[in-house]
Each structure stands twice: as C-alpha cells, then as structure tokens.
C-alpha atoms as a PDB file:
ATOM      1  CA  MET A   1    -189.043 -53.900-188.492  1.00  0.00           C
ATOM      2  CA  ASN A   2    -192.377 -52.528-189.526  1.00  0.00           C
ATOM      3  CA  ILE A   3    -194.983 -50.364-187.878  1.00  0.00           C
ATOM      4  CA  SER A   4    -197.574 -53.127-187.588  1.00  0.00           C
ATOM      5  CA  SER A   5    -195.251 -55.385-185.569  1.00  0.00           C
ATOM      6  CA  VAL A   6    -194.376 -52.521-183.218  1.00  0.00           C
ATOM      7  CA  SER A   7    -198.050 -51.642-182.862  1.00  0.00           C
ATOM      8  CA  SER A   8    -198.899 -55.278-182.171  1.00  0.00           C
ATOM      9  CA  SER A   9    -196.192 -55.508-179.499  1.00  0.00           C
ATOM     10  CA  LEU A  10    -197.402 -52.298-177.849  1.00  0.00           C
ATOM     11  CA  ASN A  11    -200.980 -53.576-177.861  1.00  0.00           C
ATOM     12  CA  GLN A  12    -199.877 -56.823-176.212  1.00  0.00           C
ATOM     13  CA  VAL A  13    -198.023 -54.923-173.494  1.00  0.00           C
ATOM     14  CA  SER A  14    -200.972 -52.590-172.984  1.00  0.00           C
ATOM     15  CA  ASN A  15    -203.406 -55.500-172.711  1.00  0.00           C
ATOM     16  CA  SER A  16    -201.087 -57.280-170.309  1.00  0.00           C
ATOM     17  CA  LEU A  17    -200.851 -54.201-168.088  1.00  0.00           C
ATOM     18  CA  THR A  18    -204.601 -53.663-168.215  1.00  0.00           C
ATOM     19  CA  ASN A  19    -205.336 -57.281-167.308  1.00  0.00           C
ATOM     20  CA  SER A  20    -202.803 -57.364-164.485  1.00  0.00           C
ATOM     21  CA  SER A  21    -203.853 -54.054-162.951  1.00  0.00           C
ATOM     22  CA  GLY A  22    -206.770 -55.765-161.205  1.00  0.00           C
ATOM     23  CA  THR A  23    -204.513 -58.095-159.222  1.00  0.00           C
ATOM     24  CA  GLY A  24    -203.223 -57.027-155.850  1.00  0.00           C
ATOM     25  CA  ASN A  25    -199.501 -57.337-156.564  1.00  0.00           C
ATOM     26  CA  GLY A  26    -199.511 -56.252-160.219  1.00  0.00           C
ATOM     27  CA  LEU A  27    -198.247 -59.634-161.438  1.00  0.00           C
ATOM     28  CA  ALA A  28    -200.054 -61.497-164.199  1.00  0.00           C
ATOM     29  CA  SER A  29    -201.757 -64.673-163.012  1.00  0.00           C
ATOM     30  CA  LYS A  30    -200.890 -66.762-166.098  1.00  0.00           C
ATOM     31  CA  PRO A  31    -197.319 -67.941-166.766  1.00  0.00           C
ATOM     32  CA  ALA A  32    -195.264 -66.209-169.454  1.00  0.00           C
ATOM     33  CA  THR A  33    -195.037 -68.024-172.773  1.00  0.00           C
ATOM     34  CA  GLN A  34    -191.555 -66.660-173.543  1.00  0.00           C
ATOM     35  CA  SER A  35    -188.660 -66.065-171.239  1.00  0.00           C
ATOM     36  CA  PHE A  36    -187.190 -62.604-170.784  1.00  0.00           C
ATOM     37  CA  GLY A  37    -184.045 -63.688-172.622  1.00  0.00           C
ATOM     38  CA  GLN A  38    -186.045 -64.888-175.614  1.00  0.00           C
ATOM     39  CA  ILE A  39    -187.971 -61.627-175.810  1.00  0.00           C
ATOM     40  CA  VAL A  40    -184.789 -59.543-175.545  1.00  0.00           C
ATOM     41  CA  SER A  41    -183.068 -61.668-178.176  1.00  0.00           C
ATOM     42  CA  GLN A  42    -185.990 -61.282-180.569  1.00  0.00           C
ATOM     43  CA  LYS A  43    -186.183 -57.519-180.048  1.00  0.00           C
ATOM     44  CA  LEU A  44    -182.415 -57.166-180.543  1.00  0.00           C
ATOM     45  CA  GLU A  45    -182.707 -58.934-183.941  1.00  0.00           C
ATOM     46  CA  GLU A  46    -185.540 -56.554-184.857  1.00  0.00           C
ATOM     47  CA  ALA A  47    -183.516 -53.554-183.707  1.00  0.00           C
ATOM     48  CA  ASN A  48    -180.547 -54.727-185.768  1.00  0.00           C
ATOM     49  CA  ILE A  49    -182.710 -54.930-188.890  1.00  0.00           C
ATOM     50  CA  ALA A  50    -184.194 -51.490-188.223  1.00  0.00           C
ATOM     51  CA  LEU A  51    -180.722 -50.009-187.733  1.00  0.00           C
ATOM     52  CA  ARG A  52    -179.453 -51.497-190.996  1.00  0.00           C
ATOM     53  CA  GLN A  53    -182.476 -50.117-192.855  1.00  0.00           C
ATOM     54  CA  THR A  54    -181.955 -46.687-191.312  1.00  0.00           C
ATOM     55  CA  VAL A  55    -178.281 -46.675-192.294  1.00  0.00           C
ATOM     56  CA  ALA A  56    -179.201 -47.675-195.855  1.00  0.00           C
ATOM     57  CA  VAL A  57    -181.707 -44.816-196.121  1.00  0.00           C
ATOM     58  CA  ARG A  58    -179.155 -42.379-194.680  1.00  0.00           C
ATOM     59  CA  ASP A  59    -176.557 -43.498-197.222  1.00  0.00           C
ATOM     60  CA  LYS A  60    -179.031 -42.997-200.084  1.00  0.00           C
ATOM     61  CA  LEU A  61    -179.884 -39.510-198.813  1.00  0.00           C
ATOM     62  CA  ILE A  62    -176.203 -38.576-198.569  1.00  0.00           C
ATOM     63  CA  ASP A  63    -175.587 -39.823-202.115  1.00  0.00           C
ATOM     64  CA  ALA A  64    -178.560 -37.814-203.390  1.00  0.00           C
ATOM     65  CA  TYR A  65    -177.309 -34.696-201.582  1.00  0.00           C
ATOM     66  CA  LYS A  66    -173.847 -35.109-203.086  1.00  0.00           C
ATOM     67  CA  GLN A  67    -175.307 -35.476-206.572  1.00  0.00           C
ATOM     68  CA  ILE A  68    -177.410 -32.348-206.129  1.00  0.00           C
ATOM     69  CA  ALA A  69    -174.426 -30.426-204.697  1.00  0.00           C
ATOM     70  CA  ASN A  70    -172.300 -31.384-207.710  1.00  0.00           C
ATOM     71  CA  MET A  71    -174.867 -30.196-210.269  1.00  0.00           C
ATOM     72  CA  GLN A  72    -173.897 -27.163-212.254  1.00  0.00           C
ATOM     73  CA  ILE A  73    -176.500 -24.460-212.512  1.00  0.00           C
END
C-alpha cells in the first residue's frame, strides 16, 4: 500500500461527497461501479499488505536495536 493509492482513494471519496451534497437525500445519482463487498475485499487485501510491510520494518528495527545493544564500547 502506498501513499498515492491512499490519496487517490481519499480524493475519490471527497469528490463523491462533494458531488452528492447537492442532491436532496445525499445519495449519488449515478450507480456504483463496484459493490460494497468488492470494495471491502480490495481494501482488506491492501491492509494485509500494509500490515506485512509494517511487521517487516518492525522486525528490522528490533534486529538493529539488538545489534546495537550487543556492541561493546
């Protein structure tokens, strides 16, 4: 998961909210291109990747800390 994809998703949501704010009931007038389940499934895959990357970085930081702690001064 990268920053540009998150930014793009936030921009899409923002544009959708801005466009739908003029309607009386707050619902968008055009039909959704993806179902809710598809969107959730896609975001879960992205979250899984982000979590794995975060865990990998954490593990590297812990290894570096242990190496520094074991150095003799």
